[in-house]
Amino acid sequence: MGKVARLSIPRGISVRTALVYEGRLLPIVKANAYFNALVDISSLIGDGLA
């Protein structure tokens, strides 16, 4: 049983999985359907700071 499945979630609420990462991702991670979103941290804080 995964972590998301063990959460106690109120009715009407959905859970979306996201991976916030820095650097490169392996192709297997990108191809994996587990994460709903992949977010590169440099896109959040700016290219010059990361």
PDB file of N, CA and C in Angstrom:
ATOM      1  N   MET A   1       0.853  -1.180   0.000  1.00  0.00           N
ATOM      2  CA  MET A   1       0.000   0.000   0.000  1.00  0.00           C
ATOM      3  C   MET A   1       0.896   1.240   0.000  1.00  0.00           C
ATOM      4  N   GLY A   2       0.641   2.165  -0.917  1.00  0.00           N
ATOM      5  CA  GLY A   2       1.446   3.367  -1.034  1.00  0.00           C
ATOM      6  C   GLY A   2       1.071   4.434  -0.022  1.00  0.00           C
ATOM      7  N   LYS A   3       1.914   5.435   0.080  1.00  0.00           N
ATOM      8  CA  LYS A   3       1.693   6.526   1.036  1.00  0.00           C
ATOM      9  C   LYS A   3       0.404   7.288   0.757  1.00  0.00           C
ATOM     10  N   VAL A   4       0.130   7.542  -0.509  1.00  0.00           N
ATOM     11  CA  VAL A   4      -1.079   8.291  -0.865  1.00  0.00           C
ATOM     12  C   VAL A   4      -2.323   7.493  -0.478  1.00  0.00           C
ATOM     13  N   ALA A   5      -2.287   6.196  -0.680  1.00  0.00           N
ATOM     14  CA  ALA A   5      -3.439   5.345  -0.357  1.00  0.00           C
ATOM     15  C   ALA A   5      -3.696   5.297   1.143  1.00  0.00           C
ATOM     16  N   ARG A   6      -2.667   5.521   1.950  1.00  0.00           N
ATOM     17  CA  ARG A   6      -2.822   5.474   3.414  1.00  0.00           C
ATOM     18  C   ARG A   6      -3.340   6.776   4.015  1.00  0.00           C
ATOM     19  N   LEU A   7      -3.376   7.846   3.233  1.00  0.00           N
ATOM     20  CA  LEU A   7      -3.859   9.127   3.739  1.00  0.00           C
ATOM     21  C   LEU A   7      -5.355   9.068   4.044  1.00  0.00           C
ATOM     22  N   SER A   8      -5.723   9.772   5.081  1.00  0.00           N
ATOM     23  CA  SER A   8      -7.143   9.920   5.400  1.00  0.00           C
ATOM     24  C   SER A   8      -7.625  11.190   4.703  1.00  0.00           C
ATOM     25  N   ILE A   9      -8.354  11.013   3.617  1.00  0.00           N
ATOM     26  CA  ILE A   9      -8.750  12.142   2.774  1.00  0.00           C
ATOM     27  C   ILE A   9     -10.255  12.372   2.907  1.00  0.00           C
ATOM     28  N   PRO A  10     -10.656  13.611   3.223  1.00  0.00           N
ATOM     29  CA  PRO A  10     -12.091  13.906   3.304  1.00  0.00           C
ATOM     30  C   PRO A  10     -12.783  13.701   1.953  1.00  0.00           C
ATOM     31  N   ARG A  11     -14.020  13.421   1.997  1.00  0.00           N
ATOM     32  CA  ARG A  11     -14.818  13.237   0.795  1.00  0.00           C
ATOM     33  C   ARG A  11     -14.817  14.509  -0.052  1.00  0.00           C
ATOM     34  N   GLY A  12     -14.694  14.355  -1.351  1.00  0.00           N
ATOM     35  CA  GLY A  12     -14.708  15.494  -2.255  1.00  0.00           C
ATOM     36  C   GLY A  12     -13.341  16.129  -2.475  1.00  0.00           C
ATOM     37  N   ILE A  13     -12.308  15.606  -1.832  1.00  0.00           N
ATOM     38  CA  ILE A  13     -10.949  16.135  -1.981  1.00  0.00           C
ATOM     39  C   ILE A  13     -10.125  15.143  -2.795  1.00  0.00           C
ATOM     40  N   SER A  14      -9.362  15.645  -3.753  1.00  0.00           N
ATOM     41  CA  SER A  14      -8.499  14.770  -4.542  1.00  0.00           C
ATOM     42  C   SER A  14      -7.037  14.981  -4.149  1.00  0.00           C
ATOM     43  N   VAL A  15      -6.234  14.006  -4.432  1.00  0.00           N
ATOM     44  CA  VAL A  15      -4.797  14.073  -4.148  1.00  0.00           C
ATOM     45  C   VAL A  15      -4.060  14.011  -5.468  1.00  0.00           C
ATOM     46  N   ARG A  16      -3.136  14.943  -5.658  1.00  0.00           N
ATOM     47  CA  ARG A  16      -2.291  14.970  -6.848  1.00  0.00           C
ATOM     48  C   ARG A  16      -0.848  14.872  -6.390  1.00  0.00           C
ATOM     49  N   THR A  17      -0.078  14.018  -7.022  1.00  0.00           N
ATOM     50  CA  THR A  17       1.325  13.845  -6.656  1.00  0.00           C
ATOM     51  C   THR A  17       2.200  14.722  -7.539  1.00  0.00           C
ATOM     52  N   ALA A  18       3.210  15.332  -6.930  1.00  0.00           N
ATOM     53  CA  ALA A  18       4.147  16.171  -7.668  1.00  0.00           C
ATOM     54  C   ALA A  18       5.556  15.914  -7.155  1.00  0.00           C
ATOM     55  N   LEU A  19       6.502  16.016  -8.043  1.00  0.00           N
ATOM     56  CA  LEU A  19       7.911  15.892  -7.686  1.00  0.00           C
ATOM     57  C   LEU A  19       8.580  17.211  -8.013  1.00  0.00           C
ATOM     58  N   VAL A  20       9.126  17.860  -6.985  1.00  0.00           N
ATOM     59  CA  VAL A  20       9.902  19.078  -7.177  1.00  0.00           C
ATOM     60  C   VAL A  20      11.355  18.648  -7.116  1.00  0.00           C
ATOM     61  N   TYR A  21      12.107  18.921  -8.178  1.00  0.00           N
ATOM     62  CA  TYR A  21      13.471  18.410  -8.269  1.00  0.00           C
ATOM     63  C   TYR A  21      14.427  19.501  -8.711  1.00  0.00           C
ATOM     64  N   GLU A  22      15.712  19.223  -8.534  1.00  0.00           N
ATOM     65  CA  GLU A  22      16.782  20.114  -8.974  1.00  0.00           C
ATOM     66  C   GLU A  22      17.758  19.266  -9.773  1.00  0.00           C
ATOM     67  N   GLY A  23      18.114  19.727 -10.937  1.00  0.00           N
ATOM     68  CA  GLY A  23      19.060  18.989 -11.761  1.00  0.00           C
ATOM     69  C   GLY A  23      18.355  18.162 -12.821  1.00  0.00           C
ATOM     70  N   ARG A  24      18.926  16.992 -13.083  1.00  0.00           N
ATOM     71  CA  ARG A  24      18.397  16.117 -14.130  1.00  0.00           C
ATOM     72  C   ARG A  24      17.587  14.984 -13.536  1.00  0.00           C
ATOM     73  N   LEU A  25      16.607  14.545 -14.288  1.00  0.00           N
ATOM     74  CA  LEU A  25      15.826  13.378 -13.911  1.00  0.00           C
ATOM     75  C   LEU A  25      16.180  12.224 -14.831  1.00  0.00           C
ATOM     76  N   LEU A  26      16.161  11.034 -14.287  1.00  0.00           N
ATOM     77  CA  LEU A  26      16.338   9.856 -15.123  1.00  0.00           C
ATOM     78  C   LEU A  26      15.111   9.704 -16.022  1.00  0.00           C
ATOM     79  N   PRO A  27      15.293   9.206 -17.215  1.00  0.00           N
ATOM     80  CA  PRO A  27      14.143   9.014 -18.122  1.00  0.00           C
ATOM     81  C   PRO A  27      13.053   8.123 -17.510  1.00  0.00           C
ATOM     82  N   ILE A  28      13.438   7.172 -16.682  1.00  0.00           N
ATOM     83  CA  ILE A  28      12.447   6.287 -16.054  1.00  0.00           C
ATOM     84  C   ILE A  28      11.511   7.071 -15.140  1.00  0.00           C
ATOM     85  N   VAL A  29      12.024   8.116 -14.482  1.00  0.00           N
ATOM     86  CA  VAL A  29      11.189   8.943 -13.608  1.00  0.00           C
ATOM     87  C   VAL A  29      10.214   9.754 -14.443  1.00  0.00           C
ATOM     88  N   LYS A  30      10.694  10.297 -15.554  1.00  0.00           N
ATOM     89  CA  LYS A  30       9.816  11.067 -16.439  1.00  0.00           C
ATOM     90  C   LYS A  30       8.730  10.192 -17.052  1.00  0.00           C
ATOM     91  N   ALA A  31       9.068   8.960 -17.368  1.00  0.00           N
ATOM     92  CA  ALA A  31       8.117   8.052 -18.003  1.00  0.00           C
ATOM     93  C   ALA A  31       7.149   7.432 -17.002  1.00  0.00           C
ATOM     94  N   ASN A  32       7.492   7.455 -15.720  1.00  0.00           N
ATOM     95  CA  ASN A  32       6.657   6.865 -14.687  1.00  0.00           C
ATOM     96  C   ASN A  32       5.355   7.661 -14.566  1.00  0.00           C
ATOM     97  N   ALA A  33       4.252   6.984 -14.505  1.00  0.00           N
ATOM     98  CA  ALA A  33       2.946   7.647 -14.428  1.00  0.00           C
ATOM     99  C   ALA A  33       2.531   7.974 -12.994  1.00  0.00           C
ATOM    100  N   TYR A  34       3.426   7.786 -12.015  1.00  0.00           N
ATOM    101  CA  TYR A  34       3.061   8.021 -10.625  1.00  0.00           C
ATOM    102  C   TYR A  34       2.838   9.499 -10.333  1.00  0.00           C
ATOM    103  N   PHE A  35       3.704  10.360 -10.850  1.00  0.00           N
ATOM    104  CA  PHE A  35       3.613  11.790 -10.555  1.00  0.00           C
ATOM    105  C   PHE A  35       2.703  12.499 -11.546  1.00  0.00           C
ATOM    106  N   ASN A  36       1.811  13.333 -11.018  1.00  0.00           N
ATOM    107  CA  ASN A  36       0.944  14.151 -11.861  1.00  0.00           C
ATOM    108  C   ASN A  36       1.689  15.355 -12.418  1.00  0.00           C
ATOM    109  N   ALA A  37       2.718  15.811 -11.705  1.00  0.00           N
ATOM    110  CA  ALA A  37       3.483  16.974 -12.149  1.00  0.00           C
ATOM    111  C   ALA A  37       4.950  16.807 -11.778  1.00  0.00           C
ATOM    112  N   LEU A  38       5.827  17.239 -12.678  1.00  0.00           N
ATOM    113  CA  LEU A  38       7.269  17.291 -12.434  1.00  0.00           C
ATOM    114  C   LEU A  38       7.668  18.754 -12.530  1.00  0.00           C
ATOM    115  N   VAL A  39       8.223  19.310 -11.451  1.00  0.00           N
ATOM    116  CA  VAL A  39       8.538  20.733 -11.408  1.00  0.00           C
ATOM    117  C   VAL A  39      10.029  20.910 -11.122  1.00  0.00           C
ATOM    118  N   ASP A  40      10.730  21.530 -12.058  1.00  0.00           N
ATOM    119  CA  ASP A  40      12.140  21.847 -11.866  1.00  0.00           C
ATOM    120  C   ASP A  40      12.218  23.083 -10.974  1.00  0.00           C
ATOM    121  N   ILE A  41      12.942  22.979  -9.870  1.00  0.00           N
ATOM    122  CA  ILE A  41      13.008  24.079  -8.888  1.00  0.00           C
ATOM    123  C   ILE A  41      13.553  25.357  -9.521  1.00  0.00           C
ATOM    124  N   SER A  42      14.413  25.244 -10.527  1.00  0.00           N
ATOM    125  CA  SER A  42      14.952  26.452 -11.160  1.00  0.00           C
ATOM    126  C   SER A  42      13.857  27.252 -11.862  1.00  0.00           C
ATOM    127  N   SER A  43      12.789  26.592 -12.275  1.00  0.00           N
ATOM    128  CA  SER A  43      11.686  27.330 -12.890  1.00  0.00           C
ATOM    129  C   SER A  43      10.878  28.094 -11.844  1.00  0.00           C
ATOM    130  N   LEU A  44      11.005  27.708 -10.585  1.00  0.00           N
ATOM    131  CA  LEU A  44      10.294  28.401  -9.515  1.00  0.00           C
ATOM    132  C   LEU A  44      11.059  29.600  -8.961  1.00  0.00           C
ATOM    133  N   ILE A  45      12.406  29.449  -8.869  1.00  0.00           N
ATOM    134  CA  ILE A  45      13.189  30.516  -8.233  1.00  0.00           C
ATOM    135  C   ILE A  45      14.025  31.323  -9.221  1.00  0.00           C
ATOM    136  N   GLY A  46      13.994  30.984 -10.490  1.00  0.00           N
ATOM    137  CA  GLY A  46      14.729  31.743 -11.496  1.00  0.00           C
ATOM    138  C   GLY A  46      15.999  31.014 -11.896  1.00  0.00           C
ATOM    139  N   ASP A  47      16.360  31.145 -13.138  1.00  0.00           N
ATOM    140  CA  ASP A  47      17.511  30.427 -13.680  1.00  0.00           C
ATOM    141  C   ASP A  47      18.840  30.850 -13.065  1.00  0.00           C
ATOM    142  N   GLY A  48      18.988  32.096 -12.669  1.00  0.00           N
ATOM    143  CA  GLY A  48      20.257  32.567 -12.141  1.00  0.00           C
ATOM    144  C   GLY A  48      20.531  32.189 -10.696  1.00  0.00           C
ATOM    145  N   LEU A  49      19.533  31.733  -9.976  1.00  0.00           N
ATOM    146  CA  LEU A  49      19.712  31.452  -8.548  1.00  0.00           C
ATOM    147  C   LEU A  49      19.931  29.982  -8.229  1.00  0.00           C
ATOM    148  N   ALA A  50      19.512  29.109  -9.074  1.00  0.00           N
ATOM    149  CA  ALA A  50      19.620  27.671  -8.781  1.00  0.00           C
ATOM    150  C   ALA A  50      20.910  27.104  -9.302  1.00  0.00           C
TER     151      ALA A  50
END
